[in-house]
Amino acid sequence: MMSMSSMSIESVDNGEFDAIATGERSDEGRLGARGKEQKEKSAPDVRVEGMDDDDSFSLRKFAAFVGPGFLMCIAYVDPGNFESNLQAGCQFGYSLLWVLMWATLMGLYIQALSVRLGLATGWHLARVMRDEYPTPARYSLWIVTELAIIASDVPEVIGTALALKLIFGLPTVWGVLVTSASTLLFLALQQFGVRKLEAFMGSLVGVMSVCFVAQMGMLEGGDGGEVIKGIVVPIFQNGKALFIGISIIGAVVMPHNLFLHSALVLSRSFELGERSVRRALKYNVAESALALAVTLVINFAVTIVAAQSIRDADFDDPTGEKRQGIIDRPLQNAPDMLKDVLGKSAKGLFAAALLASGQSSTITGTYAGQFVMEGFLEIKINPVLRAFLTRTCAILPSLLVTIIAGDEYAEFLIVISSVFLSFQLPFALIPLIKFCGSEKIVGAMAIDPRALQRTWVVVSAIVFANIVLLCVWVHESGAVNGSPGGVFLGLFVALFMILYCASLSALALRPVTQNLTMQVRDRLENKDFDRLDASAEGEEYI
């Protein structure tokens, strides 16, 4: 047993992302029959020694766990977040900052549940769901999750295309097509190992931080009193504010992140045992909190810059058309607004941050898709091919909307995709909560009943907000009326709401049938085993 001072971090070149995706490794590096075959071709691993030395917090050990949280946090600052935050700031000033804060805090709690599941079972969320649900339900959940990953890729496509337009003057349509080349970037990056990839992604987050915090500094931080009021006073001014607020939640807490984070934490291996696993949970949650604190600062900065810039913008606009154009197309027009208020450098900073956001989100979305497909279906696919397929599915609607309706509706598609993600979130969150609250799945690592009750309140609030949003949206559109088309639309919306609530209720009420007690007990008792797959009947791990 090593002392804290002798703790070491070792990177293994062959890595283990393939093994993580299929649940074929232990955190001690002792692989089963199938896992040993994977070891030669799987992805990088980071070994942490001395996890059971003492209870004190070690910065050196914390540094070993830095990485997964910064990969995960990319989803909190993707172009979808920028679009929602810019619209919130331009239309409602600082009044929706409280949504950002609470969405990020909720995100931290949910990400901690993902970490708990991964560390307790040695499997990520999709792998646990594979053995839990019957085939029809499993395939349905897989399809919904894949649609969510595609929806999360739409803002990356459009955001990157708009960044290329700002930097090089490239038409948005051509920019959408160029974004498919980002798969080549993914191909290049994955060859260097997980630590290099984590460092690269962290640097992109740093670029975004510098760009937007610099812009906020140019504005001297905004109106302090109004900013504090926007953070602490929960209020929606109207139905449009509710729509933007829900899009913020969908853009911040992305469903695919739950699958991604529960897998990424398994890239750290250490001597098992309950003491070590609980410390790993502590370090991972602390790292996630640090990463999400950075993203919260970025998102606050984007909203504050938008709110104060449109208020202080000094341009000739007697008809209000230019100001309305900024509100309708903030990703395209906000840079010119920033240039008027902050100078020419602001436009370059905004474009650089947008490009960094789009490219980094592409890579994490591809990893999440890899884990989802292999976890649900036991199908292995080349990561570059996986990125290409997902990107193609996202490019088609983006390209069609851009060609037919123009750039304005391309940005509106970003907001729509964020709202869709909010509707999809409970389909990933409910299984995660049930697993983390069941001793049959996570054993002694199960969350206490009071925390479980609070978590169900959060899920209920998300579902309720989604239903209210849909009702408000339909009502304000005026599309549901006495005409045949209006009646048909009303029936369709009602049927959708019934099916949506029934599906979520079935997930929530269904008892957990899988039993991973032996698997979790062996991990927490640090038993020497090379049995890694457990069936619901308690068979030996394979």
Protein backbone atom coordinates (compact mmCIF):
# COMPACT_ATOMS: atom_id res chain seq x y z
CA MET A 1 0.00 0.00 0.00
CA MET A 2 1.53 3.25 -1.13
CA SER A 3 1.63 6.51 0.76
CA MET A 4 0.07 9.70 -0.55
CA SER A 5 3.45 11.05 -1.54
CA SER A 6 4.22 7.97 -3.57
CA MET A 7 0.95 8.08 -5.49
CA SER A 8 1.58 7.76 -9.20
CA ILE A 9 -0.34 8.21 -12.39
CA GLU A 10 0.43 5.91 -15.26
CA SER A 11 -0.96 6.22 -18.79
CA VAL A 12 -1.29 3.01 -20.74
CA ASP A 13 -0.87 3.41 -24.49
CA ASN A 14 -3.27 0.72 -25.63
CA GLY A 15 -6.24 2.24 -23.73
CA GLU A 16 -9.63 0.84 -22.99
CA PHE A 17 -12.59 2.82 -24.35
CA ASP A 18 -13.82 -0.27 -26.24
CA ALA A 19 -13.71 -2.33 -23.06
CA ILE A 20 -15.47 0.40 -21.10
CA ALA A 21 -18.22 0.59 -23.68
CA THR A 22 -19.04 -3.09 -23.44
CA GLY A 23 -18.47 -3.46 -19.69
CA GLU A 24 -15.55 -5.83 -20.09
CA ARG A 25 -13.00 -4.49 -17.64
CA SER A 26 -12.44 -4.02 -13.94
CA ASP A 27 -10.89 -0.92 -12.47
CA GLU A 28 -7.96 -2.97 -11.26
CA GLY A 29 -7.02 -3.84 -14.82
CA ARG A 30 -7.88 -7.55 -14.30
CA LEU A 31 -9.83 -8.42 -17.43
CA GLY A 32 -12.06 -11.39 -18.11
CA ALA A 33 -11.78 -13.71 -21.09
CA ARG A 34 -13.36 -11.28 -23.51
CA GLY A 35 -11.77 -8.31 -21.77
CA LYS A 36 -8.25 -9.68 -22.23
CA GLU A 37 -8.86 -9.91 -25.95
CA GLN A 38 -9.99 -6.30 -25.93
CA LYS A 39 -6.98 -5.08 -23.99
CA GLU A 40 -4.72 -5.22 -27.02
CA LYS A 41 -6.95 -2.91 -29.09
CA SER A 42 -8.80 -0.82 -26.54
CA ALA A 43 -8.23 2.81 -25.52
CA PRO A 44 -6.02 4.64 -22.94
CA ASP A 45 -6.19 4.11 -19.22
CA VAL A 46 -4.95 6.18 -16.26
CA ARG A 47 -3.78 4.27 -13.19
CA VAL A 48 -4.06 5.93 -9.76
CA GLU A 49 -2.17 4.46 -6.81
CA GLY A 50 -2.62 5.01 -3.08
CA MET A 51 -6.38 5.53 -3.08
CA ASP A 52 -6.83 3.83 0.31
CA ASP A 53 -4.01 5.62 2.17
CA ASP A 54 -5.97 8.09 4.29
CA ASP A 55 -9.08 10.28 4.22
CA SER A 56 -7.38 13.62 3.56
CA PHE A 57 -7.98 15.43 0.27
CA SER A 58 -4.94 15.17 -1.98
CA LEU A 59 -4.37 17.64 -4.82
CA ARG A 60 -2.12 15.11 -6.53
CA LYS A 61 -4.84 12.48 -6.52
CA PHE A 62 -7.39 15.08 -7.57
CA ALA A 63 -5.17 15.92 -10.55
CA ALA A 64 -5.28 12.27 -11.59
CA PHE A 65 -9.06 12.45 -11.85
CA VAL A 66 -9.14 15.74 -13.76
CA GLY A 67 -10.27 15.07 -17.31
CA PRO A 68 -13.64 13.26 -17.56
CA GLY A 69 -15.51 16.22 -16.08
CA PHE A 70 -13.99 18.62 -18.61
CA LEU A 71 -14.96 16.29 -21.45
CA MET A 72 -18.46 16.09 -19.98
CA CYS A 73 -18.78 19.86 -19.46
CA ILE A 74 -18.35 20.57 -23.18
CA ALA A 75 -22.09 19.86 -23.58
CA TYR A 76 -22.78 22.75 -21.18
CA VAL A 77 -21.12 25.30 -23.50
CA ASP A 78 -22.03 24.08 -26.98
CA PRO A 79 -23.55 26.35 -29.67
CA GLY A 80 -27.02 25.39 -28.45
CA ASN A 81 -26.20 27.00 -25.10
CA PHE A 82 -24.83 30.09 -26.82
CA GLU A 83 -28.01 30.45 -28.92
CA SER A 84 -30.33 30.05 -25.92
CA ASN A 85 -28.22 32.33 -23.72
CA LEU A 86 -27.99 35.04 -26.39
CA GLN A 87 -31.74 34.95 -26.95
CA ALA A 88 -32.32 35.06 -23.19
CA GLY A 89 -30.05 38.07 -22.81
CA CYS A 90 -31.30 39.94 -25.88
CA GLN A 91 -35.00 39.45 -25.12
CA PHE A 92 -35.21 39.25 -21.33
CA GLY A 93 -32.04 40.86 -20.04
CA TYR A 94 -30.71 39.26 -16.86
CA SER A 95 -34.07 37.80 -15.75
CA LEU A 96 -33.29 34.19 -16.81
CA LEU A 97 -29.89 33.92 -15.12
CA TRP A 98 -31.57 31.96 -12.33
CA VAL A 99 -32.52 29.26 -14.84
CA LEU A 100 -28.87 28.92 -15.84
CA MET A 101 -27.72 28.64 -12.25
CA TRP A 102 -30.30 26.05 -11.18
CA ALA A 103 -29.93 24.07 -14.41
CA THR A 104 -26.18 23.84 -13.82
CA LEU A 105 -26.63 22.80 -10.17
CA MET A 106 -29.18 20.21 -11.26
CA GLY A 107 -26.70 19.07 -13.91
CA LEU A 108 -23.97 18.61 -11.29
CA TYR A 109 -26.26 16.45 -9.14
CA ILE A 110 -27.30 14.35 -12.14
CA GLN A 111 -23.71 13.93 -13.32
CA ALA A 112 -22.80 12.78 -9.80
CA LEU A 113 -25.42 10.05 -10.13
CA SER A 114 -23.80 8.94 -13.40
CA VAL A 115 -20.42 8.79 -11.69
CA ARG A 116 -21.89 6.80 -8.78
CA LEU A 117 -23.41 4.21 -11.12
CA GLY A 118 -20.20 3.78 -13.11
CA LEU A 119 -17.92 3.44 -10.07
CA ALA A 120 -20.24 1.13 -8.14
CA THR A 121 -20.96 -1.33 -10.95
CA GLY A 122 -17.97 -0.93 -13.28
CA TRP A 123 -20.52 -0.51 -16.08
CA HIS A 124 -21.79 2.64 -17.73
CA LEU A 125 -25.48 3.56 -17.98
CA ALA A 126 -26.22 2.05 -21.40
CA ARG A 127 -24.58 -1.23 -20.38
CA VAL A 128 -26.74 -1.49 -17.25
CA MET A 129 -29.87 -0.63 -19.23
CA ARG A 130 -29.10 -3.42 -21.71
CA ASP A 131 -29.70 -6.17 -19.14
CA GLU A 132 -32.49 -4.35 -17.32
CA TYR A 133 -35.12 -3.89 -20.01
CA PRO A 134 -36.83 -6.37 -22.36
CA THR A 135 -35.89 -6.17 -26.03
CA PRO A 136 -38.75 -3.89 -27.25
CA ALA A 137 -38.17 -1.38 -24.46
CA ARG A 138 -34.39 -1.56 -24.87
CA TYR A 139 -34.59 -0.82 -28.60
CA SER A 140 -37.09 1.98 -28.00
CA LEU A 141 -34.80 3.61 -25.43
CA TRP A 142 -31.84 3.19 -27.78
CA ILE A 143 -33.71 4.91 -30.64
CA VAL A 144 -34.79 7.80 -28.39
CA THR A 145 -31.21 8.20 -27.16
CA GLU A 146 -29.80 8.17 -30.70
CA LEU A 147 -32.33 10.84 -31.70
CA ALA A 148 -31.17 12.91 -28.74
CA ILE A 149 -27.53 12.58 -29.86
CA ILE A 150 -28.49 13.68 -33.38
CA ALA A 151 -30.48 16.60 -31.92
CA SER A 152 -27.45 17.61 -29.85
CA ASP A 153 -25.32 17.55 -33.02
CA VAL A 154 -27.59 20.00 -34.89
CA PRO A 155 -26.37 23.05 -32.88
CA GLU A 156 -22.76 21.92 -33.44
CA VAL A 157 -23.32 21.79 -37.21
CA ILE A 158 -25.04 25.16 -37.44
CA GLY A 159 -22.78 26.82 -34.85
CA THR A 160 -19.61 25.71 -36.63
CA ALA A 161 -21.05 26.81 -39.99
CA LEU A 162 -21.88 30.27 -38.60
CA ALA A 163 -18.41 30.54 -37.04
CA LEU A 164 -16.85 29.79 -40.44
CA LYS A 165 -19.12 32.42 -41.94
CA LEU A 166 -17.95 35.00 -39.40
CA ILE A 167 -14.26 34.17 -39.80
CA PHE A 168 -13.95 33.42 -43.52
CA GLY A 169 -17.18 34.77 -45.00
CA LEU A 170 -18.17 31.26 -46.04
CA PRO A 171 -21.92 30.93 -46.87
CA THR A 172 -23.81 29.02 -44.20
CA VAL A 173 -24.83 26.27 -46.62
CA TRP A 174 -21.21 25.57 -47.52
CA GLY A 175 -20.25 25.83 -43.85
CA VAL A 176 -22.77 23.11 -42.99
CA LEU A 177 -21.15 20.82 -45.55
CA VAL A 178 -17.63 21.62 -44.36
CA THR A 179 -18.49 20.57 -40.80
CA SER A 180 -18.54 16.94 -41.94
CA ALA A 181 -14.75 17.18 -42.10
CA SER A 182 -14.64 17.34 -38.30
CA THR A 183 -14.70 13.52 -38.35
CA LEU A 184 -11.11 13.73 -39.61
CA LEU A 185 -10.20 15.80 -36.56
CA PHE A 186 -11.73 13.12 -34.34
CA LEU A 187 -9.73 10.45 -36.18
CA ALA A 188 -6.51 12.37 -35.54
CA LEU A 189 -7.20 13.14 -31.87
CA GLN A 190 -8.17 9.64 -30.76
CA GLN A 191 -4.75 8.32 -31.79
CA PHE A 192 -3.00 10.32 -29.04
CA GLY A 193 -4.74 8.80 -26.02
CA VAL A 194 -7.28 9.90 -23.46
CA ARG A 195 -5.04 12.30 -21.51
CA LYS A 196 -4.08 14.18 -24.67
CA LEU A 197 -7.73 14.35 -25.71
CA GLU A 198 -8.77 15.60 -22.28
CA ALA A 199 -6.07 18.27 -22.41
CA PHE A 200 -7.17 19.37 -25.87
CA MET A 201 -10.81 19.62 -24.84
CA GLY A 202 -9.87 21.49 -21.69
CA SER A 203 -7.92 23.98 -23.80
CA LEU A 204 -11.02 24.61 -25.94
CA VAL A 205 -13.03 25.31 -22.80
CA GLY A 206 -10.24 27.69 -21.83
CA VAL A 207 -10.53 29.49 -25.18
CA MET A 208 -14.25 29.99 -24.66
CA SER A 209 -13.70 31.20 -21.09
CA VAL A 210 -11.10 33.77 -22.13
CA CYS A 211 -13.22 35.03 -25.04
CA PHE A 212 -16.45 35.61 -23.16
CA VAL A 213 -14.98 36.69 -19.84
CA ALA A 214 -12.85 39.20 -21.78
CA GLN A 215 -15.99 40.55 -23.43
CA MET A 216 -17.76 40.77 -20.07
CA GLY A 217 -14.72 42.59 -18.70
CA MET A 218 -15.01 45.13 -21.52
CA LEU A 219 -18.56 45.78 -20.33
CA GLU A 220 -17.33 46.05 -16.73
CA GLY A 221 -19.46 43.06 -15.67
CA GLY A 222 -22.89 44.50 -16.39
CA ASP A 223 -25.28 46.08 -13.90
CA GLY A 224 -24.41 44.31 -10.63
CA GLY A 225 -27.78 44.84 -8.93
CA GLU A 226 -29.79 43.62 -11.91
CA VAL A 227 -27.48 40.64 -12.39
CA ILE A 228 -27.92 39.54 -8.77
CA LYS A 229 -31.69 39.99 -9.08
CA GLY A 230 -31.71 37.84 -12.21
CA ILE A 231 -29.83 35.10 -10.37
CA VAL A 232 -31.94 34.98 -7.20
CA VAL A 233 -35.46 35.90 -8.37
CA PRO A 234 -37.19 33.00 -10.21
CA ILE A 235 -39.62 34.48 -12.70
CA PHE A 236 -40.81 33.94 -16.29
CA GLN A 237 -42.06 37.16 -17.81
CA ASN A 238 -44.26 35.43 -20.40
CA GLY A 239 -44.71 32.26 -22.45
CA LYS A 240 -41.75 33.14 -24.67
CA ALA A 241 -39.54 33.39 -21.59
CA LEU A 242 -40.74 29.93 -20.53
CA PHE A 243 -39.86 28.60 -23.99
CA ILE A 244 -36.34 30.06 -23.78
CA GLY A 245 -35.99 28.82 -20.19
CA ILE A 246 -36.86 25.25 -21.20
CA SER A 247 -34.43 25.47 -24.13
CA ILE A 248 -31.73 26.54 -21.64
CA ILE A 249 -32.42 23.43 -19.52
CA GLY A 250 -32.34 21.21 -22.60
CA ALA A 251 -29.12 22.80 -23.81
CA VAL A 252 -27.42 22.55 -20.41
CA VAL A 253 -28.45 19.10 -19.14
CA MET A 254 -28.06 16.91 -22.24
CA PRO A 255 -29.27 13.29 -22.06
CA HIS A 256 -26.26 11.80 -23.84
CA ASN A 257 -24.02 13.30 -21.16
CA LEU A 258 -25.39 10.82 -18.61
CA PHE A 259 -24.20 7.92 -20.75
CA LEU A 260 -20.90 9.62 -21.56
CA HIS A 261 -19.88 10.55 -18.01
CA SER A 262 -20.74 7.17 -16.50
CA ALA A 263 -18.31 5.65 -19.03
CA LEU A 264 -15.53 8.23 -18.86
CA VAL A 265 -15.02 7.78 -15.11
CA LEU A 266 -14.02 4.17 -15.81
CA SER A 267 -10.91 5.40 -17.63
CA ARG A 268 -9.31 5.77 -14.16
CA SER A 269 -8.21 2.48 -12.60
CA PHE A 270 -7.24 1.97 -8.97
CA GLU A 271 -7.14 -0.68 -6.26
CA LEU A 272 -10.77 -1.47 -5.53
CA GLY A 273 -12.55 -1.49 -2.16
CA GLU A 274 -15.41 0.54 -0.72
CA ARG A 275 -13.06 3.12 0.75
CA SER A 276 -11.29 3.64 -2.58
CA VAL A 277 -14.51 3.71 -4.61
CA ARG A 278 -16.07 6.33 -2.32
CA ARG A 279 -12.93 8.45 -2.58
CA ALA A 280 -12.98 8.12 -6.35
CA LEU A 281 -16.60 9.33 -6.23
CA LYS A 282 -15.53 12.32 -4.12
CA TYR A 283 -12.70 13.27 -6.49
CA ASN A 284 -14.84 12.83 -9.60
CA VAL A 285 -17.67 14.95 -8.20
CA ALA A 286 -15.19 17.65 -7.13
CA GLU A 287 -13.69 17.67 -10.63
CA SER A 288 -17.17 17.86 -12.17
CA ALA A 289 -18.05 20.78 -9.88
CA LEU A 290 -14.90 22.62 -10.98
CA ALA A 291 -15.65 22.01 -14.67
CA LEU A 292 -19.29 23.06 -14.38
CA ALA A 293 -18.32 26.17 -12.40
CA VAL A 294 -16.25 27.21 -15.41
CA THR A 295 -19.17 26.58 -17.76
CA LEU A 296 -21.52 28.56 -15.51
CA VAL A 297 -19.17 31.54 -15.70
CA ILE A 298 -19.09 31.23 -19.50
CA ASN A 299 -22.89 30.99 -19.79
CA PHE A 300 -23.39 33.89 -17.39
CA ALA A 301 -20.90 35.92 -19.43
CA VAL A 302 -22.71 35.17 -22.71
CA THR A 303 -26.09 36.22 -21.27
CA ILE A 304 -24.75 39.33 -19.54
CA VAL A 305 -22.82 40.45 -22.63
CA ALA A 306 -25.92 39.98 -24.82
CA ALA A 307 -28.22 41.78 -22.37
CA GLN A 308 -26.01 44.82 -21.89
CA SER A 309 -24.77 45.01 -25.48
CA ILE A 310 -28.24 45.19 -27.04
CA ARG A 311 -29.24 47.75 -24.42
CA ASP A 312 -26.19 49.93 -25.01
CA ALA A 313 -25.79 49.35 -28.75
CA ASP A 314 -25.55 52.69 -30.54
CA PHE A 315 -26.70 52.09 -34.09
CA ASP A 316 -29.07 53.82 -36.46
CA ASP A 317 -32.25 51.76 -36.22
CA PRO A 318 -35.35 53.99 -36.50
CA THR A 319 -37.65 51.09 -37.43
CA GLY A 320 -36.27 48.63 -34.87
CA GLU A 321 -35.57 46.16 -37.69
CA LYS A 322 -31.88 45.81 -36.88
CA ARG A 323 -32.54 45.19 -33.21
CA GLN A 324 -35.19 42.59 -34.07
CA GLY A 325 -32.73 40.91 -36.44
CA ILE A 326 -30.26 40.57 -33.56
CA ILE A 327 -32.98 38.99 -31.41
CA ASP A 328 -34.07 36.58 -34.15
CA ARG A 329 -30.54 35.63 -35.30
CA PRO A 330 -28.21 36.28 -32.35
CA LEU A 331 -25.40 33.93 -33.42
CA GLN A 332 -25.10 35.79 -36.71
CA ASN A 333 -25.89 39.38 -35.70
CA ALA A 334 -24.63 39.54 -32.12
CA PRO A 335 -20.97 39.79 -33.27
CA ASP A 336 -21.76 43.01 -35.16
CA MET A 337 -23.59 44.30 -32.09
CA LEU A 338 -20.57 43.43 -29.95
CA LYS A 339 -18.29 45.19 -32.41
CA ASP A 340 -20.38 48.36 -32.10
CA VAL A 341 -20.16 48.26 -28.31
CA LEU A 342 -16.76 46.67 -27.62
CA GLY A 343 -14.73 47.22 -30.78
CA LYS A 344 -13.52 45.03 -33.64
CA SER A 345 -11.77 42.49 -31.40
CA ALA A 346 -15.09 41.35 -29.91
CA LYS A 347 -16.28 39.87 -33.20
CA GLY A 348 -13.12 37.77 -33.53
CA LEU A 349 -13.37 36.59 -29.92
CA PHE A 350 -16.98 35.53 -30.41
CA ALA A 351 -16.24 33.63 -33.64
CA ALA A 352 -13.25 31.83 -32.06
CA ALA A 353 -15.34 30.77 -29.06
CA LEU A 354 -18.18 29.57 -31.30
CA LEU A 355 -15.81 27.52 -33.46
CA ALA A 356 -14.13 25.97 -30.40
CA SER A 357 -17.54 25.14 -28.95
CA GLY A 358 -18.82 23.44 -32.10
CA GLN A 359 -15.74 21.31 -32.68
CA SER A 360 -15.33 20.18 -29.08
CA SER A 361 -19.00 19.21 -28.80
CA THR A 362 -18.70 17.08 -31.93
CA ILE A 363 -16.01 14.90 -30.36
CA THR A 364 -17.83 14.31 -27.06
CA GLY A 365 -21.07 13.56 -28.90
CA THR A 366 -19.26 10.91 -30.94
CA TYR A 367 -17.87 9.26 -27.80
CA ALA A 368 -21.32 9.25 -26.23
CA GLY A 369 -22.80 7.65 -29.35
CA GLN A 370 -20.12 4.97 -29.29
CA PHE A 371 -20.91 4.04 -25.68
CA VAL A 372 -24.67 4.11 -26.33
CA MET A 373 -24.57 1.84 -29.36
CA GLU A 374 -22.16 -0.68 -27.85
CA GLY A 375 -23.93 -0.59 -24.49
CA PHE A 376 -27.48 -1.06 -25.74
CA LEU A 377 -26.82 -3.30 -28.74
CA GLU A 378 -23.36 -4.85 -28.28
CA ILE A 379 -22.49 -3.49 -31.72
CA LYS A 380 -18.98 -2.15 -32.23
CA ILE A 381 -18.47 0.51 -34.88
CA ASN A 382 -15.44 2.54 -35.90
CA PRO A 383 -15.59 5.87 -34.02
CA VAL A 384 -14.91 7.85 -37.19
CA LEU A 385 -17.72 6.06 -39.01
CA ARG A 386 -19.92 6.64 -35.98
CA ALA A 387 -19.10 10.38 -36.10
CA PHE A 388 -19.79 10.49 -39.82
CA LEU A 389 -23.20 8.79 -39.50
CA THR A 390 -24.32 11.03 -36.62
CA ARG A 391 -23.06 14.13 -38.40
CA THR A 392 -24.84 13.13 -41.61
CA CYS A 393 -28.15 12.77 -39.77
CA ALA A 394 -27.63 16.22 -38.23
CA ILE A 395 -26.48 17.85 -41.49
CA LEU A 396 -29.57 16.85 -43.50
CA PRO A 397 -32.17 18.85 -41.50
CA SER A 398 -29.70 21.71 -40.97
CA LEU A 399 -28.93 21.88 -44.69
CA LEU A 400 -32.59 21.66 -45.74
CA VAL A 401 -33.70 24.38 -43.32
CA THR A 402 -30.80 26.64 -44.34
CA ILE A 403 -31.51 26.22 -48.06
CA ILE A 404 -35.32 26.51 -47.85
CA ALA A 405 -35.89 28.96 -44.99
CA GLY A 406 -32.54 30.75 -44.68
CA ASP A 407 -30.14 31.44 -41.84
CA GLU A 408 -32.80 32.83 -39.50
CA TYR A 409 -34.64 29.52 -39.24
CA ALA A 410 -31.37 27.62 -39.07
CA GLU A 411 -30.81 29.33 -35.73
CA PHE A 412 -34.39 28.60 -34.69
CA LEU A 413 -33.64 24.92 -35.37
CA ILE A 414 -30.96 25.14 -32.66
CA VAL A 415 -33.55 26.23 -30.11
CA ILE A 416 -35.98 23.52 -31.26
CA SER A 417 -33.29 20.87 -30.85
CA SER A 418 -32.58 22.11 -27.30
CA VAL A 419 -36.28 21.88 -26.41
CA PHE A 420 -36.39 18.35 -27.85
CA LEU A 421 -33.45 17.41 -25.60
CA SER A 422 -35.39 18.60 -22.58
CA PHE A 423 -38.29 16.32 -23.56
CA GLN A 424 -35.91 13.39 -24.01
CA LEU A 425 -33.97 13.93 -20.76
CA PRO A 426 -36.38 11.97 -18.48
CA PHE A 427 -35.95 8.82 -20.61
CA ALA A 428 -32.30 8.69 -19.54
CA LEU A 429 -32.72 10.26 -16.11
CA ILE A 430 -35.46 7.97 -14.77
CA PRO A 431 -33.48 4.72 -15.30
CA LEU A 432 -30.39 6.38 -13.80
CA ILE A 433 -32.31 7.43 -10.68
CA LYS A 434 -33.88 4.00 -10.24
CA PHE A 435 -30.48 2.32 -10.57
CA CYS A 436 -28.76 4.67 -8.10
CA GLY A 437 -31.60 4.25 -5.60
CA SER A 438 -31.59 0.43 -5.76
CA GLU A 439 -29.30 -1.70 -3.63
CA LYS A 440 -29.78 -4.47 -6.20
CA ILE A 441 -27.82 -2.34 -8.69
CA VAL A 442 -25.32 -0.23 -6.71
CA GLY A 443 -25.32 -2.06 -3.36
CA ALA A 444 -24.00 0.00 -0.48
CA MET A 445 -23.48 2.95 -2.85
CA ALA A 446 -27.27 3.51 -3.15
CA ILE A 447 -28.41 7.05 -2.39
CA ASP A 448 -30.50 7.54 0.76
CA PRO A 449 -34.32 7.68 0.52
CA ARG A 450 -34.55 11.44 1.18
CA ALA A 451 -32.12 12.23 -1.63
CA LEU A 452 -34.06 9.84 -3.84
CA GLN A 453 -37.30 11.70 -3.09
CA ARG A 454 -35.69 15.05 -3.94
CA THR A 455 -34.43 13.60 -7.19
CA TRP A 456 -37.90 12.46 -8.17
CA VAL A 457 -39.13 15.99 -7.50
CA VAL A 458 -36.54 17.29 -10.00
CA VAL A 459 -37.70 14.80 -12.64
CA SER A 460 -41.36 15.69 -12.02
CA ALA A 461 -40.53 19.39 -12.40
CA ILE A 462 -38.81 18.75 -15.75
CA VAL A 463 -41.74 16.72 -17.08
CA PHE A 464 -44.27 19.29 -15.83
CA ALA A 465 -42.30 22.15 -17.41
CA ASN A 466 -42.18 20.26 -20.72
CA ILE A 467 -45.94 19.72 -20.73
CA VAL A 468 -46.64 23.36 -19.81
CA LEU A 469 -44.25 24.50 -22.53
CA LEU A 470 -46.03 22.40 -25.15
CA CYS A 471 -49.44 23.74 -24.07
CA VAL A 472 -48.23 27.36 -24.10
CA TRP A 473 -46.51 26.90 -27.44
CA VAL A 474 -49.62 25.42 -29.08
CA HIS A 475 -51.89 28.06 -27.54
CA GLU A 476 -49.75 31.03 -28.60
CA SER A 477 -49.29 29.67 -32.11
CA GLY A 478 -53.04 29.71 -32.71
CA ALA A 479 -52.64 26.58 -34.82
CA VAL A 480 -55.22 24.62 -32.82
CA ASN A 481 -58.59 26.01 -33.88
CA GLY A 482 -61.92 24.98 -35.35
CA SER A 483 -60.53 24.19 -38.80
CA PRO A 484 -60.00 20.53 -39.81
CA GLY A 485 -56.24 21.02 -39.69
CA GLY A 486 -56.46 22.71 -36.28
CA VAL A 487 -58.61 19.92 -34.87
CA PHE A 488 -56.23 17.29 -36.21
CA LEU A 489 -53.24 19.11 -34.70
CA GLY A 490 -55.02 19.35 -31.36
CA LEU A 491 -55.74 15.62 -31.36
CA PHE A 492 -52.13 14.88 -32.30
CA VAL A 493 -50.74 17.05 -29.48
CA ALA A 494 -53.13 15.46 -26.97
CA LEU A 495 -52.14 11.95 -28.10
CA PHE A 496 -48.46 12.86 -27.89
CA MET A 497 -48.83 14.16 -24.34
CA ILE A 498 -50.70 11.01 -23.28
CA LEU A 499 -48.07 8.71 -24.80
CA TYR A 500 -45.24 10.82 -23.35
CA CYS A 501 -46.62 10.73 -19.81
CA ALA A 502 -47.57 7.04 -20.08
CA SER A 503 -44.09 6.06 -21.28
CA LEU A 504 -42.38 7.94 -18.47
CA SER A 505 -44.81 6.55 -15.91
CA ALA A 506 -44.11 3.01 -17.11
CA LEU A 507 -40.37 3.61 -16.71
CA ALA A 508 -40.80 5.12 -13.25
CA LEU A 509 -43.19 2.45 -11.92
CA ARG A 510 -41.40 -0.57 -13.35
CA PRO A 511 -39.47 -2.36 -10.56
CA VAL A 512 -35.77 -3.00 -10.99
CA THR A 513 -35.31 -6.65 -12.00
CA GLN A 514 -31.58 -6.86 -12.57
CA ASN A 515 -29.33 -7.98 -9.71
CA LEU A 516 -25.72 -6.81 -9.66
CA THR A 517 -25.26 -7.42 -5.94
CA MET A 518 -22.40 -9.90 -6.35
CA GLN A 519 -20.61 -7.71 -8.87
CA VAL A 520 -20.83 -4.60 -6.71
CA ARG A 521 -19.92 -6.52 -3.53
CA ASP A 522 -16.78 -7.88 -5.16
CA ARG A 523 -15.77 -4.37 -6.22
CA LEU A 524 -16.40 -2.88 -2.80
CA GLU A 525 -14.69 -5.76 -0.97
CA ASN A 526 -11.74 -5.73 -3.40
CA LYS A 527 -12.03 -9.41 -4.21
CA ASP A 528 -9.76 -10.86 -6.86
CA PHE A 529 -12.06 -11.73 -9.74
CA ASP A 530 -12.08 -11.94 -13.49
CA ARG A 531 -15.84 -12.32 -13.77
CA LEU A 532 -17.26 -9.16 -15.23
CA ASP A 533 -20.74 -9.69 -16.68
CA ALA A 534 -23.57 -10.49 -14.26
CA SER A 535 -26.99 -11.60 -15.34
CA ALA A 536 -30.22 -10.87 -13.49
CA GLU A 537 -30.20 -14.46 -12.29
CA GLY A 538 -26.87 -13.99 -10.51
CA GLU A 539 -24.74 -16.05 -12.91
CA GLU A 540 -20.99 -15.72 -12.80
CA TYR A 541 -19.38 -12.79 -14.55
CA ILE A 542 -17.90 -13.77 -17.87
